[in-house]
Amino acid sequence: MTSRTKAGGERNGASKDHCLASVITRAVTSNSHWPDKDEFLDVIYWGRQVLGVALGLVWGFIPLKGFVGLFLFCVINAALVYFYASSFQGIDEEEFGGMWELTKEGFVTSFAGFLVMWIILYSGLHYD
């Protein structure tokens, strides 16, 4: 198995690693320029997945239950994405189809991960 070199001397996969590092750097740097809109939407999506699992762990340890837990998750999740996009990154939401499109990007899968972590941890720690 040989690996071909690309123009500029990069091996296969090296440009992907460089691209991922660039996206991560822009994600944690305020007011970054996002030439590819899909990259920013990917950052929102994966950030939401991490947030969903983290909040599920916290809710399971606390132990929070019922509608209060669901409502708090929805409010915190939507608020953090809104403030990240508008305040930290300073993006023009109209370029992405409005703030509603950014707010719902990856919400359902984040909610699923949250529920799985919350239910498993709560059941394991606080249920007889």
Protein backbone atom coordinates (compact mmCIF):
# COMPACT_ATOMS: atom_id res chain seq x y z
CA MET A 1 0.00 0.00 0.00
CA THR A 2 1.58 3.22 -1.11
CA SER A 3 0.57 6.68 -0.12
CA ARG A 4 0.62 9.25 -2.83
CA THR A 5 1.85 12.73 -2.12
CA LYS A 6 -0.27 15.73 -2.96
CA ALA A 7 0.92 19.03 -4.28
CA GLY A 8 2.80 20.73 -1.49
CA GLY A 9 4.27 17.50 -0.13
CA GLU A 10 1.31 16.46 2.06
CA ARG A 11 0.51 12.79 2.47
CA ASN A 12 -3.01 11.41 2.36
CA GLY A 13 -4.88 12.41 5.49
CA ALA A 14 -2.51 15.23 6.37
CA SER A 15 -4.78 17.84 4.82
CA LYS A 16 -7.74 16.43 6.79
CA ASP A 17 -5.77 16.77 10.02
CA HIS A 18 -4.79 20.30 9.08
CA CYS A 19 -8.37 21.14 8.19
CA LEU A 20 -9.70 19.73 11.48
CA ALA A 21 -7.11 21.68 13.45
CA SER A 22 -8.09 24.84 11.56
CA VAL A 23 -11.78 24.31 12.33
CA ILE A 24 -11.10 23.67 16.02
CA THR A 25 -8.91 26.77 16.21
CA ARG A 26 -11.61 28.91 14.62
CA ALA A 27 -14.27 27.35 16.88
CA VAL A 28 -12.50 28.48 20.06
CA THR A 29 -11.38 31.86 18.69
CA SER A 30 -13.90 34.67 18.88
CA ASN A 31 -15.11 36.45 15.74
CA SER A 32 -13.57 33.89 13.40
CA HIS A 33 -14.13 33.98 9.65
CA TRP A 34 -16.11 30.97 8.35
CA PRO A 35 -15.68 30.76 4.56
CA ASP A 36 -17.46 27.38 4.48
CA LYS A 37 -20.86 27.60 6.18
CA ASP A 38 -21.01 23.84 6.60
CA GLU A 39 -17.93 23.91 8.84
CA PHE A 40 -19.63 26.33 11.23
CA LEU A 41 -22.78 24.20 11.23
CA ASP A 42 -20.60 21.16 12.01
CA VAL A 43 -19.11 23.02 14.98
CA ILE A 44 -22.62 23.82 16.23
CA TYR A 45 -23.71 20.19 15.73
CA TRP A 46 -20.78 18.55 17.51
CA GLY A 47 -20.72 21.16 20.26
CA ARG A 48 -24.33 20.36 20.93
CA GLN A 49 -23.58 16.65 21.14
CA VAL A 50 -20.91 17.27 23.78
CA LEU A 51 -23.24 19.63 25.64
CA GLY A 52 -26.07 17.09 25.59
CA VAL A 53 -23.93 14.32 27.08
CA ALA A 54 -22.43 16.68 29.67
CA LEU A 55 -25.82 17.98 30.80
CA GLY A 56 -27.14 14.40 30.94
CA LEU A 57 -24.30 13.50 33.30
CA VAL A 58 -24.92 16.55 35.48
CA TRP A 59 -28.68 15.94 35.63
CA GLY A 60 -28.06 12.30 36.55
CA PHE A 61 -25.71 13.18 39.40
CA ILE A 62 -27.84 16.02 40.84
CA PRO A 63 -30.55 14.09 40.68
CA LEU A 64 -32.87 16.24 38.63
CA LYS A 65 -36.06 14.69 37.33
CA GLY A 66 -39.23 15.35 35.42
CA PHE A 67 -40.32 18.29 33.33
CA VAL A 68 -37.92 20.65 35.11
CA GLY A 69 -34.93 18.70 33.78
CA LEU A 70 -36.30 18.61 30.23
CA PHE A 71 -37.17 22.30 30.26
CA LEU A 72 -33.80 23.34 31.68
CA PHE A 73 -31.98 21.27 29.06
CA CYS A 74 -33.91 22.92 26.21
CA VAL A 75 -33.37 26.44 27.57
CA ILE A 76 -29.66 25.97 28.34
CA ASN A 77 -28.97 24.23 25.02
CA ALA A 78 -30.74 26.87 22.92
CA ALA A 79 -29.32 29.79 24.90
CA LEU A 80 -25.71 28.59 24.72
CA VAL A 81 -25.90 28.03 20.96
CA TYR A 82 -27.52 31.43 20.45
CA PHE A 83 -24.92 33.27 22.52
CA TYR A 84 -22.05 31.31 20.97
CA ALA A 85 -23.14 32.14 17.44
CA SER A 86 -24.23 35.73 17.96
CA SER A 87 -21.91 37.03 20.67
CA PHE A 88 -18.77 34.88 20.62
CA GLN A 89 -18.51 34.22 16.88
CA GLY A 90 -20.40 37.35 15.81
CA ILE A 91 -21.83 35.69 12.72
CA ASP A 92 -24.60 37.14 10.58
CA GLU A 93 -27.40 34.69 11.21
CA GLU A 94 -29.09 35.52 7.91
CA GLU A 95 -26.18 33.85 6.08
CA PHE A 96 -27.22 30.59 7.76
CA GLY A 97 -30.97 30.91 7.23
CA GLY A 98 -31.77 32.82 10.41
CA MET A 99 -31.16 32.19 14.07
CA TRP A 100 -33.89 29.54 14.16
CA GLU A 101 -31.88 27.38 11.73
CA LEU A 102 -28.82 27.65 13.96
CA THR A 103 -30.86 27.01 17.08
CA LYS A 104 -32.33 23.78 15.75
CA GLU A 105 -29.11 22.45 14.14
CA GLY A 106 -28.40 19.12 15.83
CA PHE A 107 -30.92 19.67 18.61
CA VAL A 108 -32.74 16.34 18.30
CA THR A 109 -29.60 14.20 18.37
CA SER A 110 -28.27 16.26 21.26
CA PHE A 111 -31.55 15.69 23.10
CA ALA A 112 -31.28 11.94 22.48
CA GLY A 113 -27.74 11.79 23.88
CA PHE A 114 -28.84 13.87 26.85
CA LEU A 115 -31.75 11.55 27.61
CA VAL A 116 -29.64 8.40 27.35
CA MET A 117 -26.98 9.73 29.72
CA TRP A 118 -29.51 11.19 32.15
CA ILE A 119 -31.64 8.05 32.33
CA ILE A 120 -28.72 5.62 32.66
CA LEU A 121 -26.90 7.64 35.31
CA TYR A 122 -30.01 8.55 37.29
CA SER A 123 -31.25 4.94 37.23
CA GLY A 124 -27.88 3.58 38.25
CA LEU A 125 -27.28 6.00 41.11
CA HIS A 126 -30.68 6.89 42.54
CA TYR A 127 -33.06 4.04 41.79
CA ASP A 128 -33.47 1.06 44.08
